[in-house]
Amino acid sequence: MGSGSFASASLSRHLLRGAVGFGGLAGAVLLFPALGWASLLLVPVGLLALRGCPMCWTLGLVQTLSMGRLRRSCTDQGCELARADTAPEPAAAPERTPAPERTPAPEPAAVFERRGGR
């Protein structure tokens, strides 16, 4: 699970996080008539469990389900998704040639003198 990943280590852990998160958000709304403003203390709990928002949790669910099942392989023609058990190993990246050296820019005073300045 690299940076930018919302996936959990296992599906059961992700579903538990979803139950706590959505339960906290629903509890905050449903318990408001009985507990008043104190019920809103469940909102941060729900958002923390969902890692920010319900969409983040949903994205994490998709990532958790596909983890280890898909492999992306990229070539010069583009990228493809394939099943991990049938996908070819990614090819080694070609070596890059060094960029040509640039000539240094002229000093500002030399440019000013060529244009007829003082």
PDB file of N, CA and C in Angstrom:
ATOM      1  N   MET A   1       0.839  -1.170   0.000  1.00  0.00           N
ATOM      2  CA  MET A   1       0.000   0.000   0.000  1.00  0.00           C
ATOM      3  C   MET A   1       0.886   1.235   0.000  1.00  0.00           C
ATOM      4  N   GLY A   2       1.062   1.809  -1.139  1.00  0.00           N
ATOM      5  CA  GLY A   2       1.909   2.980  -1.261  1.00  0.00           C
ATOM      6  C   GLY A   2       1.158   4.248  -0.934  1.00  0.00           C
ATOM      7  N   SER A   3       1.823   5.356  -1.108  1.00  0.00           N
ATOM      8  CA  SER A   3       1.182   6.629  -0.839  1.00  0.00           C
ATOM      9  C   SER A   3       0.075   6.841  -1.854  1.00  0.00           C
ATOM     10  N   GLY A   4      -0.983   7.485  -1.412  1.00  0.00           N
ATOM     11  CA  GLY A   4      -2.107   7.705  -2.294  1.00  0.00           C
ATOM     12  C   GLY A   4      -3.031   6.511  -2.379  1.00  0.00           C
ATOM     13  N   SER A   5      -2.804   5.506  -1.589  1.00  0.00           N
ATOM     14  CA  SER A   5      -3.626   4.315  -1.597  1.00  0.00           C
ATOM     15  C   SER A   5      -4.600   4.362  -0.429  1.00  0.00           C
ATOM     16  N   PHE A   6      -5.845   4.024  -0.713  1.00  0.00           N
ATOM     17  CA  PHE A   6      -6.859   3.971   0.329  1.00  0.00           C
ATOM     18  C   PHE A   6      -7.184   2.528   0.702  1.00  0.00           C
ATOM     19  N   ALA A   7      -6.448   1.578   0.126  1.00  0.00           N
ATOM     20  CA  ALA A   7      -6.720   0.163   0.362  1.00  0.00           C
ATOM     21  C   ALA A   7      -6.341  -0.236   1.782  1.00  0.00           C
ATOM     22  N   SER A   8      -7.012  -1.268   2.276  1.00  0.00           N
ATOM     23  CA  SER A   8      -6.698  -1.839   3.582  1.00  0.00           C
ATOM     24  C   SER A   8      -5.912  -3.127   3.377  1.00  0.00           C
ATOM     25  N   ALA A   9      -5.377  -3.643   4.466  1.00  0.00           N
ATOM     26  CA  ALA A   9      -4.588  -4.871   4.387  1.00  0.00           C
ATOM     27  C   ALA A   9      -5.457  -6.071   4.023  1.00  0.00           C
ATOM     28  N   SER A  10      -6.732  -6.065   4.411  1.00  0.00           N
ATOM     29  CA  SER A  10      -7.619  -7.178   4.080  1.00  0.00           C
ATOM     30  C   SER A  10      -9.026  -6.643   3.849  1.00  0.00           C
ATOM     31  N   LEU A  11      -9.844  -7.442   3.180  1.00  0.00           N
ATOM     32  CA  LEU A  11     -11.216  -7.037   2.892  1.00  0.00           C
ATOM     33  C   LEU A  11     -12.023  -6.921   4.179  1.00  0.00           C
ATOM     34  N   SER A  12     -11.836  -7.862   5.106  1.00  0.00           N
ATOM     35  CA  SER A  12     -12.599  -7.805   6.354  1.00  0.00           C
ATOM     36  C   SER A  12     -12.256  -6.549   7.155  1.00  0.00           C
ATOM     37  N   ARG A  13     -10.983  -6.155   7.160  1.00  0.00           N
ATOM     38  CA  ARG A  13     -10.584  -4.936   7.860  1.00  0.00           C
ATOM     39  C   ARG A  13     -11.213  -3.707   7.194  1.00  0.00           C
ATOM     40  N   HIS A  14     -11.272  -3.712   5.880  1.00  0.00           N
ATOM     41  CA  HIS A  14     -11.854  -2.574   5.169  1.00  0.00           C
ATOM     42  C   HIS A  14     -13.359  -2.488   5.437  1.00  0.00           C
ATOM     43  N   LEU A  15     -14.039  -3.626   5.422  1.00  0.00           N
ATOM     44  CA  LEU A  15     -15.473  -3.621   5.706  1.00  0.00           C
ATOM     45  C   LEU A  15     -15.752  -3.201   7.148  1.00  0.00           C
ATOM     46  N   LEU A  16     -14.886  -3.580   8.077  1.00  0.00           N
ATOM     47  CA  LEU A  16     -15.037  -3.143   9.467  1.00  0.00           C
ATOM     48  C   LEU A  16     -14.888  -1.622   9.566  1.00  0.00           C
ATOM     49  N   ARG A  17     -13.888  -1.081   8.861  1.00  0.00           N
ATOM     50  CA  ARG A  17     -13.721   0.375   8.839  1.00  0.00           C
ATOM     51  C   ARG A  17     -14.955   1.064   8.263  1.00  0.00           C
ATOM     52  N   GLY A  18     -15.543   0.449   7.230  1.00  0.00           N
ATOM     53  CA  GLY A  18     -16.758   1.009   6.644  1.00  0.00           C
ATOM     54  C   GLY A  18     -17.922   0.989   7.616  1.00  0.00           C
ATOM     55  N   ALA A  19     -18.065  -0.105   8.352  1.00  0.00           N
ATOM     56  CA  ALA A  19     -19.160  -0.203   9.325  1.00  0.00           C
ATOM     57  C   ALA A  19     -18.998   0.842  10.433  1.00  0.00           C
ATOM     58  N   VAL A  20     -17.764   1.014  10.920  1.00  0.00           N
ATOM     59  CA  VAL A  20     -17.518   2.019  11.956  1.00  0.00           C
ATOM     60  C   VAL A  20     -17.743   3.426  11.398  1.00  0.00           C
ATOM     61  N   GLY A  21     -17.255   3.661  10.191  1.00  0.00           N
ATOM     62  CA  GLY A  21     -17.373   4.992   9.592  1.00  0.00           C
ATOM     63  C   GLY A  21     -18.796   5.382   9.287  1.00  0.00           C
ATOM     64  N   PHE A  22     -19.498   4.521   8.544  1.00  0.00           N
ATOM     65  CA  PHE A  22     -20.887   4.842   8.206  1.00  0.00           C
ATOM     66  C   PHE A  22     -21.774   4.791   9.444  1.00  0.00           C
ATOM     67  N   GLY A  23     -21.455   3.903  10.389  1.00  0.00           N
ATOM     68  CA  GLY A  23     -22.203   3.867  11.644  1.00  0.00           C
ATOM     69  C   GLY A  23     -22.030   5.145  12.447  1.00  0.00           C
ATOM     70  N   GLY A  24     -20.804   5.672  12.465  1.00  0.00           N
ATOM     71  CA  GLY A  24     -20.569   6.931  13.173  1.00  0.00           C
ATOM     72  C   GLY A  24     -21.317   8.099  12.544  1.00  0.00           C
ATOM     73  N   LEU A  25     -21.308   8.165  11.219  1.00  0.00           N
ATOM     74  CA  LEU A  25     -22.024   9.255  10.542  1.00  0.00           C
ATOM     75  C   LEU A  25     -23.535   9.124  10.725  1.00  0.00           C
ATOM     76  N   ALA A  26     -24.048   7.908  10.569  1.00  0.00           N
ATOM     77  CA  ALA A  26     -25.483   7.698  10.745  1.00  0.00           C
ATOM     78  C   ALA A  26     -25.891   7.922  12.201  1.00  0.00           C
ATOM     79  N   GLY A  27     -25.058   7.449  13.127  1.00  0.00           N
ATOM     80  CA  GLY A  27     -25.362   7.652  14.537  1.00  0.00           C
ATOM     81  C   GLY A  27     -25.407   9.123  14.916  1.00  0.00           C
ATOM     82  N   ALA A  28     -24.519   9.920  14.336  1.00  0.00           N
ATOM     83  CA  ALA A  28     -24.513  11.353  14.635  1.00  0.00           C
ATOM     84  C   ALA A  28     -25.830  11.996  14.221  1.00  0.00           C
ATOM     85  N   VAL A  29     -26.363  11.586  13.086  1.00  0.00           N
ATOM     86  CA  VAL A  29     -27.623  12.172  12.597  1.00  0.00           C
ATOM     87  C   VAL A  29     -28.815  11.603  13.366  1.00  0.00           C
ATOM     88  N   LEU A  30     -28.842  10.280  13.553  1.00  0.00           N
ATOM     89  CA  LEU A  30     -29.998   9.648  14.178  1.00  0.00           C
ATOM     90  C   LEU A  30     -30.090   9.917  15.678  1.00  0.00           C
ATOM     91  N   LEU A  31     -28.961  10.101  16.346  1.00  0.00           N
ATOM     92  CA  LEU A  31     -28.979  10.350  17.788  1.00  0.00           C
ATOM     93  C   LEU A  31     -29.092  11.836  18.134  1.00  0.00           C
ATOM     94  N   PHE A  32     -29.096  12.700  17.126  1.00  0.00           N
ATOM     95  CA  PHE A  32     -29.167  14.133  17.397  1.00  0.00           C
ATOM     96  C   PHE A  32     -30.422  14.527  18.179  1.00  0.00           C
ATOM     97  N   PRO A  33     -31.612  13.998  17.856  1.00  0.00           N
ATOM     98  CA  PRO A  33     -32.790  14.376  18.657  1.00  0.00           C
ATOM     99  C   PRO A  33     -32.682  13.953  20.128  1.00  0.00           C
ATOM    100  N   ALA A  34     -32.007  12.836  20.388  1.00  0.00           N
ATOM    101  CA  ALA A  34     -31.922  12.342  21.764  1.00  0.00           C
ATOM    102  C   ALA A  34     -30.761  12.963  22.533  1.00  0.00           C
ATOM    103  N   LEU A  35     -29.605  13.128  21.896  1.00  0.00           N
ATOM    104  CA  LEU A  35     -28.406  13.589  22.590  1.00  0.00           C
ATOM    105  C   LEU A  35     -28.046  15.046  22.299  1.00  0.00           C
ATOM    106  N   GLY A  36     -28.664  15.614  21.314  1.00  0.00           N
ATOM    107  CA  GLY A  36     -28.351  17.005  20.961  1.00  0.00           C
ATOM    108  C   GLY A  36     -26.979  17.094  20.295  1.00  0.00           C
ATOM    109  N   TRP A  37     -26.313  18.202  20.550  1.00  0.00           N
ATOM    110  CA  TRP A  37     -25.026  18.479  19.913  1.00  0.00           C
ATOM    111  C   TRP A  37     -23.947  17.469  20.267  1.00  0.00           C
ATOM    112  N   ALA A  38     -24.090  16.773  21.367  1.00  0.00           N
ATOM    113  CA  ALA A  38     -23.092  15.775  21.771  1.00  0.00           C
ATOM    114  C   ALA A  38     -23.005  14.628  20.760  1.00  0.00           C
ATOM    115  N   SER A  39     -24.115  14.358  20.065  1.00  0.00           N
ATOM    116  CA  SER A  39     -24.086  13.266  19.082  1.00  0.00           C
ATOM    117  C   SER A  39     -23.157  13.593  17.908  1.00  0.00           C
ATOM    118  N   LEU A  40     -22.887  14.866  17.676  1.00  0.00           N
ATOM    119  CA  LEU A  40     -22.011  15.254  16.570  1.00  0.00           C
ATOM    120  C   LEU A  40     -20.552  14.889  16.828  1.00  0.00           C
ATOM    121  N   LEU A  41     -20.237  14.437  18.039  1.00  0.00           N
ATOM    122  CA  LEU A  41     -18.886  13.953  18.314  1.00  0.00           C
ATOM    123  C   LEU A  41     -18.598  12.651  17.558  1.00  0.00           C
ATOM    124  N   LEU A  42     -19.647  12.005  17.046  1.00  0.00           N
ATOM    125  CA  LEU A  42     -19.451  10.790  16.256  1.00  0.00           C
ATOM    126  C   LEU A  42     -19.008  11.098  14.825  1.00  0.00           C
ATOM    127  N   VAL A  43     -19.195  12.327  14.354  1.00  0.00           N
ATOM    128  CA  VAL A  43     -18.822  12.675  12.974  1.00  0.00           C
ATOM    129  C   VAL A  43     -17.317  12.527  12.747  1.00  0.00           C
ATOM    130  N   PRO A  44     -16.447  13.083  13.609  1.00  0.00           N
ATOM    131  CA  PRO A  44     -15.014  12.883  13.371  1.00  0.00           C
ATOM    132  C   PRO A  44     -14.595  11.414  13.431  1.00  0.00           C
ATOM    133  N   VAL A  45     -15.247  10.631  14.297  1.00  0.00           N
ATOM    134  CA  VAL A  45     -14.947   9.203  14.376  1.00  0.00           C
ATOM    135  C   VAL A  45     -15.280   8.534  13.047  1.00  0.00           C
ATOM    136  N   GLY A  46     -16.455   8.862  12.506  1.00  0.00           N
ATOM    137  CA  GLY A  46     -16.867   8.283  11.228  1.00  0.00           C
ATOM    138  C   GLY A  46     -15.954   8.699  10.094  1.00  0.00           C
ATOM    139  N   LEU A  47     -15.593   9.977  10.038  1.00  0.00           N
ATOM    140  CA  LEU A  47     -14.724  10.455   8.962  1.00  0.00           C
ATOM    141  C   LEU A  47     -13.316   9.883   9.080  1.00  0.00           C
ATOM    142  N   LEU A  48     -12.836   9.713  10.290  1.00  0.00           N
ATOM    143  CA  LEU A  48     -11.512   9.121  10.485  1.00  0.00           C
ATOM    144  C   LEU A  48     -11.502   7.656  10.025  1.00  0.00           C
ATOM    145  N   ALA A  49     -12.556   6.929  10.354  1.00  0.00           N
ATOM    146  CA  ALA A  49     -12.637   5.526   9.940  1.00  0.00           C
ATOM    147  C   ALA A  49     -12.753   5.395   8.424  1.00  0.00           C
ATOM    148  N   LEU A  50     -13.426   6.354   7.786  1.00  0.00           N
ATOM    149  CA  LEU A  50     -13.582   6.314   6.329  1.00  0.00           C
ATOM    150  C   LEU A  50     -12.401   6.942   5.609  1.00  0.00           C
ATOM    151  N   ARG A  51     -11.416   7.407   6.338  1.00  0.00           N
ATOM    152  CA  ARG A  51     -10.228   8.079   5.794  1.00  0.00           C
ATOM    153  C   ARG A  51     -10.598   9.326   4.997  1.00  0.00           C
ATOM    154  N   GLY A  52     -11.529  10.078   5.526  1.00  0.00           N
ATOM    155  CA  GLY A  52     -11.833  11.377   4.936  1.00  0.00           C
ATOM    156  C   GLY A  52     -13.249  11.529   4.446  1.00  0.00           C
ATOM    157  N   CYS A  53     -13.742  10.601   3.664  1.00  0.00           N
ATOM    158  CA  CYS A  53     -15.078  10.761   3.101  1.00  0.00           C
ATOM    159  C   CYS A  53     -15.580   9.395   2.622  1.00  0.00           C
ATOM    160  N   PRO A  54     -16.884   9.281   2.395  1.00  0.00           N
ATOM    161  CA  PRO A  54     -17.403   7.998   1.900  1.00  0.00           C
ATOM    162  C   PRO A  54     -16.811   7.602   0.539  1.00  0.00           C
ATOM    163  N   MET A  55     -16.506   8.566  -0.298  1.00  0.00           N
ATOM    164  CA  MET A  55     -15.917   8.250  -1.603  1.00  0.00           C
ATOM    165  C   MET A  55     -14.507   7.686  -1.440  1.00  0.00           C
ATOM    166  N   CYS A  56     -13.755   8.213  -0.474  1.00  0.00           N
ATOM    167  CA  CYS A  56     -12.415   7.675  -0.203  1.00  0.00           C
ATOM    168  C   CYS A  56     -12.509   6.218   0.238  1.00  0.00           C
ATOM    169  N   TRP A  57     -13.509   5.910   1.059  1.00  0.00           N
ATOM    170  CA  TRP A  57     -13.692   4.532   1.506  1.00  0.00           C
ATOM    171  C   TRP A  57     -14.058   3.637   0.329  1.00  0.00           C
ATOM    172  N   THR A  58     -14.936   4.129  -0.554  1.00  0.00           N
ATOM    173  CA  THR A  58     -15.345   3.348  -1.724  1.00  0.00           C
ATOM    174  C   THR A  58     -14.156   3.093  -2.647  1.00  0.00           C
ATOM    175  N   LEU A  59     -13.346   4.100  -2.857  1.00  0.00           N
ATOM    176  CA  LEU A  59     -12.141   3.930  -3.672  1.00  0.00           C
ATOM    177  C   LEU A  59     -11.215   2.895  -3.038  1.00  0.00           C
ATOM    178  N   GLY A  60     -11.082   2.952  -1.724  1.00  0.00           N
ATOM    179  CA  GLY A  60     -10.270   1.971  -1.011  1.00  0.00           C
ATOM    180  C   GLY A  60     -10.827   0.565  -1.133  1.00  0.00           C
ATOM    181  N   LEU A  61     -12.159   0.439  -1.168  1.00  0.00           N
ATOM    182  CA  LEU A  61     -12.778  -0.873  -1.339  1.00  0.00           C
ATOM    183  C   LEU A  61     -12.409  -1.462  -2.700  1.00  0.00           C
ATOM    184  N   VAL A  62     -12.470  -0.643  -3.736  1.00  0.00           N
ATOM    185  CA  VAL A  62     -12.098  -1.114  -5.077  1.00  0.00           C
ATOM    186  C   VAL A  62     -10.621  -1.489  -5.109  1.00  0.00           C
ATOM    187  N   GLN A  63      -9.774  -0.671  -4.485  1.00  0.00           N
ATOM    188  CA  GLN A  63      -8.338  -0.975  -4.445  1.00  0.00           C
ATOM    189  C   GLN A  63      -8.066  -2.256  -3.663  1.00  0.00           C
ATOM    190  N   THR A  64      -8.778  -2.445  -2.558  1.00  0.00           N
ATOM    191  CA  THR A  64      -8.582  -3.642  -1.749  1.00  0.00           C
ATOM    192  C   THR A  64      -9.009  -4.891  -2.523  1.00  0.00           C
ATOM    193  N   LEU A  65     -10.121  -4.795  -3.255  1.00  0.00           N
ATOM    194  CA  LEU A  65     -10.600  -5.946  -4.020  1.00  0.00           C
ATOM    195  C   LEU A  65      -9.655  -6.300  -5.165  1.00  0.00           C
ATOM    196  N   SER A  66      -9.049  -5.295  -5.794  1.00  0.00           N
ATOM    197  CA  SER A  66      -8.195  -5.571  -6.946  1.00  0.00           C
ATOM    198  C   SER A  66      -6.731  -5.784  -6.572  1.00  0.00           C
ATOM    199  N   MET A  67      -6.384  -5.579  -5.304  1.00  0.00           N
ATOM    200  CA  MET A  67      -4.998  -5.698  -4.870  1.00  0.00           C
ATOM    201  C   MET A  67      -4.453  -7.101  -5.154  1.00  0.00           C
ATOM    202  N   GLY A  68      -3.377  -7.171  -5.917  1.00  0.00           N
ATOM    203  CA  GLY A  68      -2.759  -8.439  -6.233  1.00  0.00           C
ATOM    204  C   GLY A  68      -3.417  -9.183  -7.380  1.00  0.00           C
ATOM    205  N   ARG A  69      -4.528  -8.674  -7.886  1.00  0.00           N
ATOM    206  CA  ARG A  69      -5.218  -9.358  -8.978  1.00  0.00           C
ATOM    207  C   ARG A  69      -4.937  -8.720 -10.326  1.00  0.00           C
ATOM    208  N   LEU A  70      -4.540  -7.463 -10.321  1.00  0.00           N
ATOM    209  CA  LEU A  70      -4.287  -6.743 -11.560  1.00  0.00           C
ATOM    210  C   LEU A  70      -2.847  -6.274 -11.606  1.00  0.00           C
ATOM    211  N   ARG A  71      -2.317  -6.208 -12.802  1.00  0.00           N
ATOM    212  CA  ARG A  71      -0.966  -5.679 -12.994  1.00  0.00           C
ATOM    213  C   ARG A  71      -1.010  -4.723 -14.184  1.00  0.00           C
ATOM    214  N   ARG A  72      -0.403  -3.570 -14.006  1.00  0.00           N
ATOM    215  CA  ARG A  72      -0.337  -2.600 -15.088  1.00  0.00           C
ATOM    216  C   ARG A  72       1.012  -2.755 -15.774  1.00  0.00           C
ATOM    217  N   SER A  73       0.987  -2.884 -17.092  1.00  0.00           N
ATOM    218  CA  SER A  73       2.234  -2.961 -17.842  1.00  0.00           C
ATOM    219  C   SER A  73       2.217  -1.857 -18.896  1.00  0.00           C
ATOM    220  N   CYS A  74       3.284  -1.083 -18.934  1.00  0.00           N
ATOM    221  CA  CYS A  74       3.361   0.060 -19.829  1.00  0.00           C
ATOM    222  C   CYS A  74       4.491  -0.127 -20.830  1.00  0.00           C
ATOM    223  N   THR A  75       4.228   0.275 -22.055  1.00  0.00           N
ATOM    224  CA  THR A  75       5.225   0.282 -23.119  1.00  0.00           C
ATOM    225  C   THR A  75       5.167   1.644 -23.795  1.00  0.00           C
ATOM    226  N   ASP A  76       5.923   1.805 -24.867  1.00  0.00           N
ATOM    227  CA  ASP A  76       5.887   3.070 -25.599  1.00  0.00           C
ATOM    228  C   ASP A  76       4.525   3.318 -26.238  1.00  0.00           C
ATOM    229  N   GLN A  77       3.787   2.254 -26.513  1.00  0.00           N
ATOM    230  CA  GLN A  77       2.480   2.396 -27.156  1.00  0.00           C
ATOM    231  C   GLN A  77       1.371   2.737 -26.168  1.00  0.00           C
ATOM    232  N   GLY A  78       1.586   2.547 -24.883  1.00  0.00           N
ATOM    233  CA  GLY A  78       0.574   2.862 -23.881  1.00  0.00           C
ATOM    234  C   GLY A  78       0.616   1.862 -22.741  1.00  0.00           C
ATOM    235  N   CYS A  79      -0.348   1.968 -21.857  1.00  0.00           N
ATOM    236  CA  CYS A  79      -0.424   1.088 -20.687  1.00  0.00           C
ATOM    237  C   CYS A  79      -1.636   0.180 -20.803  1.00  0.00           C
ATOM    238  N   GLU A  80      -1.515  -1.018 -20.226  1.00  0.00           N
ATOM    239  CA  GLU A  80      -2.600  -1.987 -20.220  1.00  0.00           C
ATOM    240  C   GLU A  80      -2.740  -2.579 -18.828  1.00  0.00           C
ATOM    241  N   LEU A  81      -3.971  -2.930 -18.483  1.00  0.00           N
ATOM    242  CA  LEU A  81      -4.236  -3.669 -17.262  1.00  0.00           C
ATOM    243  C   LEU A  81      -4.484  -5.114 -17.642  1.00  0.00           C
ATOM    244  N   ALA A  82      -3.898  -6.022 -16.911  1.00  0.00           N
ATOM    245  CA  ALA A  82      -4.104  -7.440 -17.167  1.00  0.00           C
ATOM    246  C   ALA A  82      -4.143  -8.166 -15.834  1.00  0.00           C
ATOM    247  N   ARG A  83      -4.701  -9.353 -15.844  1.00  0.00           N
ATOM    248  CA  ARG A  83      -4.712 -10.161 -14.624  1.00  0.00           C
ATOM    249  C   ARG A  83      -3.280 -10.466 -14.225  1.00  0.00           C
ATOM    250  N   ALA A  84      -3.018 -10.473 -12.953  1.00  0.00           N
ATOM    251  CA  ALA A  84      -1.647 -10.665 -12.464  1.00  0.00           C
ATOM    252  C   ALA A  84      -1.100 -12.037 -12.830  1.00  0.00           C
ATOM    253  N   ASP A  85      -1.951 -13.061 -12.893  1.00  0.00           N
ATOM    254  CA  ASP A  85      -1.447 -14.391 -13.203  1.00  0.00           C
ATOM    255  C   ASP A  85      -1.135 -14.578 -14.680  1.00  0.00           C
ATOM    256  N   THR A  86      -1.660 -13.719 -15.565  1.00  0.00           N
ATOM    257  CA  THR A  86      -1.393 -13.845 -16.996  1.00  0.00           C
ATOM    258  C   THR A  86      -0.579 -12.688 -17.553  1.00  0.00           C
ATOM    259  N   ALA A  87      -0.347 -11.665 -16.760  1.00  0.00           N
ATOM    260  CA  ALA A  87       0.362 -10.485 -17.266  1.00  0.00           C
ATOM    261  C   ALA A  87       1.851 -10.767 -17.405  1.00  0.00           C
ATOM    262  N   PRO A  88       2.441 -10.300 -18.495  1.00  0.00           N
ATOM    263  CA  PRO A  88       3.890 -10.469 -18.631  1.00  0.00           C
ATOM    264  C   PRO A  88       4.620  -9.557 -17.662  1.00  0.00           C
ATOM    265  N   GLU A  89       5.803  -9.965 -17.287  1.00  0.00           N
ATOM    266  CA  GLU A  89       6.621  -9.130 -16.413  1.00  0.00           C
ATOM    267  C   GLU A  89       6.951  -7.833 -17.133  1.00  0.00           C
ATOM    268  N   PRO A  90       6.934  -6.714 -16.444  1.00  0.00           N
ATOM    269  CA  PRO A  90       7.249  -5.452 -17.096  1.00  0.00           C
ATOM    270  C   PRO A  90       8.685  -5.441 -17.602  1.00  0.00           C
ATOM    271  N   ALA A  91       8.863  -4.881 -18.795  1.00  0.00           N
ATOM    272  CA  ALA A  91      10.198  -4.806 -19.397  1.00  0.00           C
ATOM    273  C   ALA A  91      11.023  -3.745 -18.674  1.00  0.00           C
ATOM    274  N   ALA A  92      12.330  -3.933 -18.723  1.00  0.00           N
ATOM    275  CA  ALA A  92      13.223  -2.960 -18.094  1.00  0.00           C
ATOM    276  C   ALA A  92      13.143  -1.644 -18.861  1.00  0.00           C
ATOM    277  N   ALA A  93      13.239  -0.572 -18.160  1.00  0.00           N
ATOM    278  CA  ALA A  93      13.175   0.752 -18.782  1.00  0.00           C
ATOM    279  C   ALA A  93      14.419   0.981 -19.634  1.00  0.00           C
ATOM    280  N   PRO A  94      14.242   1.569 -20.817  1.00  0.00           N
ATOM    281  CA  PRO A  94      15.418   1.837 -21.650  1.00  0.00           C
ATOM    282  C   PRO A  94      16.294   2.896 -21.007  1.00  0.00           C
ATOM    283  N   GLU A  95      17.596   2.798 -21.288  1.00  0.00           N
ATOM    284  CA  GLU A  95      18.514   3.792 -20.735  1.00  0.00           C
ATOM    285  C   GLU A  95      18.295   5.129 -21.433  1.00  0.00           C
ATOM    286  N   ARG A  96      18.401   6.168 -20.663  1.00  0.00           N
ATOM    287  CA  ARG A  96      18.209   7.506 -21.218  1.00  0.00           C
ATOM    288  C   ARG A  96      19.542   8.090 -21.632  1.00  0.00           C
ATOM    289  N   THR A  97      19.524   8.817 -22.728  1.00  0.00           N
ATOM    290  CA  THR A  97      20.739   9.500 -23.163  1.00  0.00           C
ATOM    291  C   THR A  97      20.829  10.823 -22.439  1.00  0.00           C
ATOM    292  N   PRO A  98      22.029  11.252 -22.085  1.00  0.00           N
ATOM    293  CA  PRO A  98      22.149  12.524 -21.368  1.00  0.00           C
ATOM    294  C   PRO A  98      21.752  13.691 -22.265  1.00  0.00           C
ATOM    295  N   ALA A  99      21.231  14.711 -21.655  1.00  0.00           N
ATOM    296  CA  ALA A  99      20.823  15.909 -22.394  1.00  0.00           C
ATOM    297  C   ALA A  99      22.065  16.648 -22.884  1.00  0.00           C
ATOM    298  N   PRO A 100      21.986  17.294 -24.061  1.00  0.00           N
ATOM    299  CA  PRO A 100      23.145  18.046 -24.543  1.00  0.00           C
ATOM    300  C   PRO A 100      23.424  19.234 -23.631  1.00  0.00           C
ATOM    301  N   GLU A 101      24.690  19.592 -23.539  1.00  0.00           N
ATOM    302  CA  GLU A 101      25.061  20.722 -22.690  1.00  0.00           C
ATOM    303  C   GLU A 101      24.579  22.021 -23.318  1.00  0.00           C
ATOM    304  N   ARG A 102      24.151  22.904 -22.483  1.00  0.00           N
ATOM    305  CA  ARG A 102      23.671  24.201 -22.957  1.00  0.00           C
ATOM    306  C   ARG A 102      24.791  25.222 -22.882  1.00  0.00           C
ATOM    307  N   THR A 103      24.746  26.147 -23.800  1.00  0.00           N
ATOM    308  CA  THR A 103      25.731  27.227 -23.752  1.00  0.00           C
ATOM    309  C   THR A 103      25.257  28.241 -22.729  1.00  0.00           C
ATOM    310  N   PRO A 104      26.162  28.835 -21.979  1.00  0.00           N
ATOM    311  CA  PRO A 104      25.737  29.791 -20.949  1.00  0.00           C
ATOM    312  C   PRO A 104      25.150  31.051 -21.591  1.00  0.00           C
ATOM    313  N   ALA A 105      24.240  31.653 -20.897  1.00  0.00           N
ATOM    314  CA  ALA A 105      23.614  32.894 -21.371  1.00  0.00           C
ATOM    315  C   ALA A 105      24.630  34.032 -21.291  1.00  0.00           C
ATOM    316  N   PRO A 106      24.564  35.000 -22.224  1.00  0.00           N
ATOM    317  CA  PRO A 106      25.499  36.125 -22.168  1.00  0.00           C
ATOM    318  C   PRO A 106      25.214  37.002 -20.957  1.00  0.00           C
ATOM    319  N   GLU A 107      26.228  37.682 -20.513  1.00  0.00           N
ATOM    320  CA  GLU A 107      26.088  38.593 -19.389  1.00  0.00           C
ATOM    321  C   GLU A 107      25.158  39.740 -19.792  1.00  0.00           C
ATOM    322  N   PRO A 108      24.333  40.249 -18.893  1.00  0.00           N
ATOM    323  CA  PRO A 108      23.412  41.334 -19.238  1.00  0.00           C
ATOM    324  C   PRO A 108      24.135  42.586 -19.745  1.00  0.00           C
ATOM    325  N   ALA A 109      25.303  42.886 -19.229  1.00  0.00           N
ATOM    326  CA  ALA A 109      26.019  44.088 -19.671  1.00  0.00           C
ATOM    327  C   ALA A 109      26.438  43.951 -21.129  1.00  0.00           C
ATOM    328  N   ALA A 110      26.853  42.745 -21.552  1.00  0.00           N
ATOM    329  CA  ALA A 110      27.265  42.549 -22.945  1.00  0.00           C
ATOM    330  C   ALA A 110      26.083  42.721 -23.883  1.00  0.00           C
ATOM    331  N   VAL A 111      24.910  42.267 -23.503  1.00  0.00           N
ATOM    332  CA  VAL A 111      23.722  42.440 -24.335  1.00  0.00           C
ATOM    333  C   VAL A 111      23.372  43.916 -24.435  1.00  0.00           C
ATOM    334  N   PHE A 112      23.462  44.618 -23.331  1.00  0.00           N
ATOM    335  CA  PHE A 112      23.129  46.043 -23.307  1.00  0.00           C
ATOM    336  C   PHE A 112      24.077  46.827 -24.215  1.00  0.00           C
ATOM    337  N   GLU A 113      25.383  46.495 -24.214  1.00  0.00           N
ATOM    338  CA  GLU A 113      26.364  47.198 -25.046  1.00  0.00           C
ATOM    339  C   GLU A 113      26.133  46.911 -26.520  1.00  0.00           C
ATOM    340  N   ARG A 114      25.734  45.693 -26.880  1.00  0.00           N
ATOM    341  CA  ARG A 114      25.486  45.372 -28.300  1.00  0.00           C
ATOM    342  C   ARG A 114      24.294  46.136 -28.838  1.00  0.00           C
ATOM    343  N   ARG A 115      23.377  46.491 -27.978  1.00  0.00           N
ATOM    344  CA  ARG A 115      22.177  47.211 -28.427  1.00  0.00           C
ATOM    345  C   ARG A 115      22.394  48.717 -28.479  1.00  0.00           C
ATOM    346  N   GLY A 116      23.579  49.161 -28.243  1.00  0.00           N
ATOM    347  CA  GLY A 116      23.880  50.592 -28.324  1.00  0.00           C
ATOM    348  C   GLY A 116      23.649  51.350 -27.039  1.00  0.00           C
ATOM    349  N   GLY A 117      23.734  50.667 -25.939  1.00  0.00           N
ATOM    350  CA  GLY A 117      23.563  51.331 -24.655  1.00  0.00           C
ATOM    351  C   GLY A 117      24.848  52.027 -24.228  1.00  0.00           C
ATOM    352  N   ARG A 118      24.875  52.596 -23.093  1.00  0.00           N
ATOM    353  CA  ARG A 118      26.029  53.353 -22.595  1.00  0.00           C
ATOM    354  C   ARG A 118      27.213  52.508 -22.382  1.00  0.00           C
TER     355      ARG A 118
END
